[in-house]
Protein backbone atom coordinates (compact mmCIF):
# COMPACT_ATOMS: atom_id res chain seq x y z
CA MET A 1 -25.44 221.16 94.90
CA LYS A 2 -29.01 221.73 95.47
CA GLU A 3 -29.60 225.35 96.89
CA LYS A 4 -31.29 225.49 100.01
CA PRO A 5 -34.50 227.82 100.67
CA SER A 6 -34.17 230.83 102.74
CA LEU A 7 -36.64 230.62 105.34
CA ILE A 8 -36.83 232.04 108.74
CA ILE A 9 -38.57 230.95 111.33
CA TYR A 10 -41.07 233.59 113.22
CA GLU A 11 -43.71 231.00 115.46
CA GLU A 12 -42.45 227.71 116.81
CA LEU A 13 -44.58 225.88 119.39
CA GLU A 14 -45.06 222.37 120.68
CA PHE A 15 -48.90 221.04 120.67
CA ILE A 16 -51.04 217.88 120.59
CA VAL A 17 -53.35 217.44 117.43
CA GLY A 18 -56.57 217.65 118.85
CA GLU A 19 -56.38 220.12 121.52
CA GLU A 20 -57.43 223.57 120.64
CA THR A 21 -54.44 225.38 119.21
CA PHE A 22 -53.80 228.97 117.74
CA VAL A 23 -50.44 229.72 116.49
CA GLU A 24 -50.63 233.25 114.48
CA SER A 25 -48.08 235.08 112.77
CA VAL A 26 -47.90 238.70 111.78
CA ALA A 27 -44.88 239.67 109.49
CA GLU A 28 -43.28 243.23 109.67
CA ASN A 29 -45.05 244.35 106.08
CA ASN A 30 -48.82 243.35 107.92
CA ASN A 31 -48.86 239.95 106.06
CA ALA A 32 -50.63 237.46 108.58
CA VAL A 33 -51.28 233.80 108.60
CA LEU A 34 -53.28 231.73 111.35
CA PHE A 35 -52.89 227.94 112.25
CA GLU A 36 -55.81 226.84 114.37
CA ASP A 37 -56.88 222.99 115.69
CA ASP A 38 -60.42 223.39 116.69
CA CYS A 39 -60.08 219.82 118.21
CA GLU A 40 -61.70 218.56 115.15
CA THR A 41 -59.98 219.73 111.99
CA GLY A 42 -56.53 221.91 111.85
CA TYR A 43 -56.27 224.63 108.99
CA PHE A 44 -54.09 227.29 107.61
CA TYR A 45 -55.23 230.68 107.50
CA ALA A 46 -54.25 233.89 105.35
CA ILE A 47 -55.51 236.90 107.35
CA ASP A 48 -56.00 240.98 106.48
CA ILE A 49 -54.95 242.37 109.61
CA ASN A 50 -56.07 245.58 107.91
CA ASN A 51 -59.41 244.53 107.63
CA ASN A 52 -60.68 243.59 110.95
CA LEU A 53 -59.10 240.22 110.45
CA THR A 54 -60.77 239.30 107.43
CA ILE A 55 -59.82 235.63 106.41
CA LEU A 56 -58.49 235.86 102.99
CA ASP A 57 -58.10 232.07 102.43
CA ALA A 58 -58.13 228.58 104.30
CA LEU A 59 -56.18 225.57 103.92
CA HIS A 60 -57.43 222.13 105.56
CA ILE A 61 -54.21 220.88 106.93
CA TYR A 62 -55.89 217.64 108.67
CA ASP A 63 -58.55 215.98 109.62
CA VAL A 64 -58.05 214.89 113.77
CA ALA A 65 -60.02 211.57 113.27
CA ASN A 66 -57.59 210.70 111.11
CA ILE A 67 -54.37 211.41 112.77
CA ILE A 68 -52.87 208.35 113.81
CA ASP A 69 -50.28 209.33 116.52
CA LYS A 70 -52.29 212.36 117.55
CA GLN A 71 -51.43 211.95 121.65
CA LYS A 72 -47.76 212.37 121.03
CA THR A 73 -46.12 216.23 120.77
CA SER A 74 -45.56 217.47 117.62
CA GLU A 75 -43.72 220.66 116.56
CA ILE A 76 -45.38 223.52 114.40
CA LYS A 77 -42.96 226.01 112.77
CA ILE A 78 -44.58 229.21 110.92
CA LEU A 79 -41.78 230.24 108.56
CA TRP A 80 -41.41 233.32 106.29
CA THR A 81 -39.23 233.68 102.89
CA LEU A 82 -36.64 236.59 103.21
CA ASP A 83 -38.64 238.93 101.35
CA LEU A 84 -41.91 238.41 103.45
CA SER A 85 -44.35 237.34 100.60
CA LYS A 86 -44.69 233.74 101.54
CA THR A 87 -45.36 231.93 104.34
CA PHE A 88 -44.59 228.11 105.23
CA LEU A 89 -46.50 226.15 107.71
CA SER A 90 -44.42 223.17 108.80
CA ILE A 91 -45.68 220.13 111.22
CA ASN A 92 -42.48 218.01 112.65
CA ASN A 93 -40.34 219.53 109.94
CA TYR A 94 -42.85 218.77 107.18
CA TYR A 95 -44.20 221.39 105.30
CA HIS A 96 -48.09 221.14 105.02
CA ALA A 97 -48.84 224.68 103.62
CA VAL A 98 -47.42 227.90 101.51
CA PHE A 99 -49.11 231.21 101.53
CA ASP A 100 -47.71 233.19 98.33
CA PHE A 101 -49.19 236.62 98.92
CA GLU A 102 -47.50 238.31 96.02
CA ALA A 103 -49.47 235.70 94.07
CA ASN A 104 -52.70 235.44 96.12
CA ALA A 105 -52.50 231.86 96.13
CA GLY A 106 -52.11 229.11 99.07
CA TYR A 107 -51.29 225.56 98.56
CA CYS A 108 -52.13 222.48 101.24
CA ARG A 109 -50.79 218.52 100.45
CA ASN A 110 -54.86 217.61 99.73
CA GLY A 111 -55.35 221.16 97.61
CA PHE A 112 -58.94 221.48 99.53
CA PRO A 113 -61.19 223.20 100.14
CA GLU A 114 -61.46 224.67 96.41
CA SER A 115 -61.10 228.16 96.85
CA LYS A 116 -63.98 230.52 96.40
CA SER A 117 -61.92 233.58 97.66
CA VAL A 118 -61.84 236.92 95.44
CA TRP A 119 -58.05 236.69 97.07
CA THR A 120 -57.09 233.79 95.49
CA LEU A 121 -55.80 233.96 91.79
CA ILE A 122 -55.26 230.10 91.25
CA THR A 123 -57.11 227.11 90.74
CA GLU A 124 -54.69 224.26 91.26
CA ARG A 125 -53.99 224.32 95.13
CA LYS A 126 -52.18 221.16 95.76
CA LEU A 127 -48.74 221.37 97.16
CA THR A 128 -45.82 219.25 96.00
CA GLU A 129 -42.14 218.97 96.80
CA THR A 130 -41.05 220.96 93.74
CA LEU A 131 -43.64 223.95 94.28
CA ILE A 132 -42.20 223.74 97.62
CA ASP A 133 -38.18 224.57 96.37
CA GLN A 134 -39.98 227.06 93.73
CA LEU A 135 -41.83 229.07 96.08
CA ALA A 136 -38.93 229.08 98.77
CA LYS A 137 -36.50 230.53 96.30
CA SER A 138 -38.42 232.76 94.62
């Protein structure tokens, strides 16, 4: 039997894609993330709360214009691993992005944008089911 990942839901919110939405989550170790829908795009950010809320990395989640059922209510969840080193963005029970604070890495389904951040130590940013399983278990 496949081992289930151990993730804890820290934030949960119903929202409408294309309406201004902000969901932040700060773990007890001060790792922090923010999801933002600015009415045009959805982005997920890794944030340094100890340095004037500096954005460490940004991951593209969606373009509002490309979402078919945007008028329907969606559910966003921000989940953390038990050791608080990784955070997962779920929309309608589908993982869209992961930040790994130990490895200074961010992944999303389309791998966009290419990282120009000194924080990010990886080049391949495309999120896959295999990678989700690996990150959730480690």
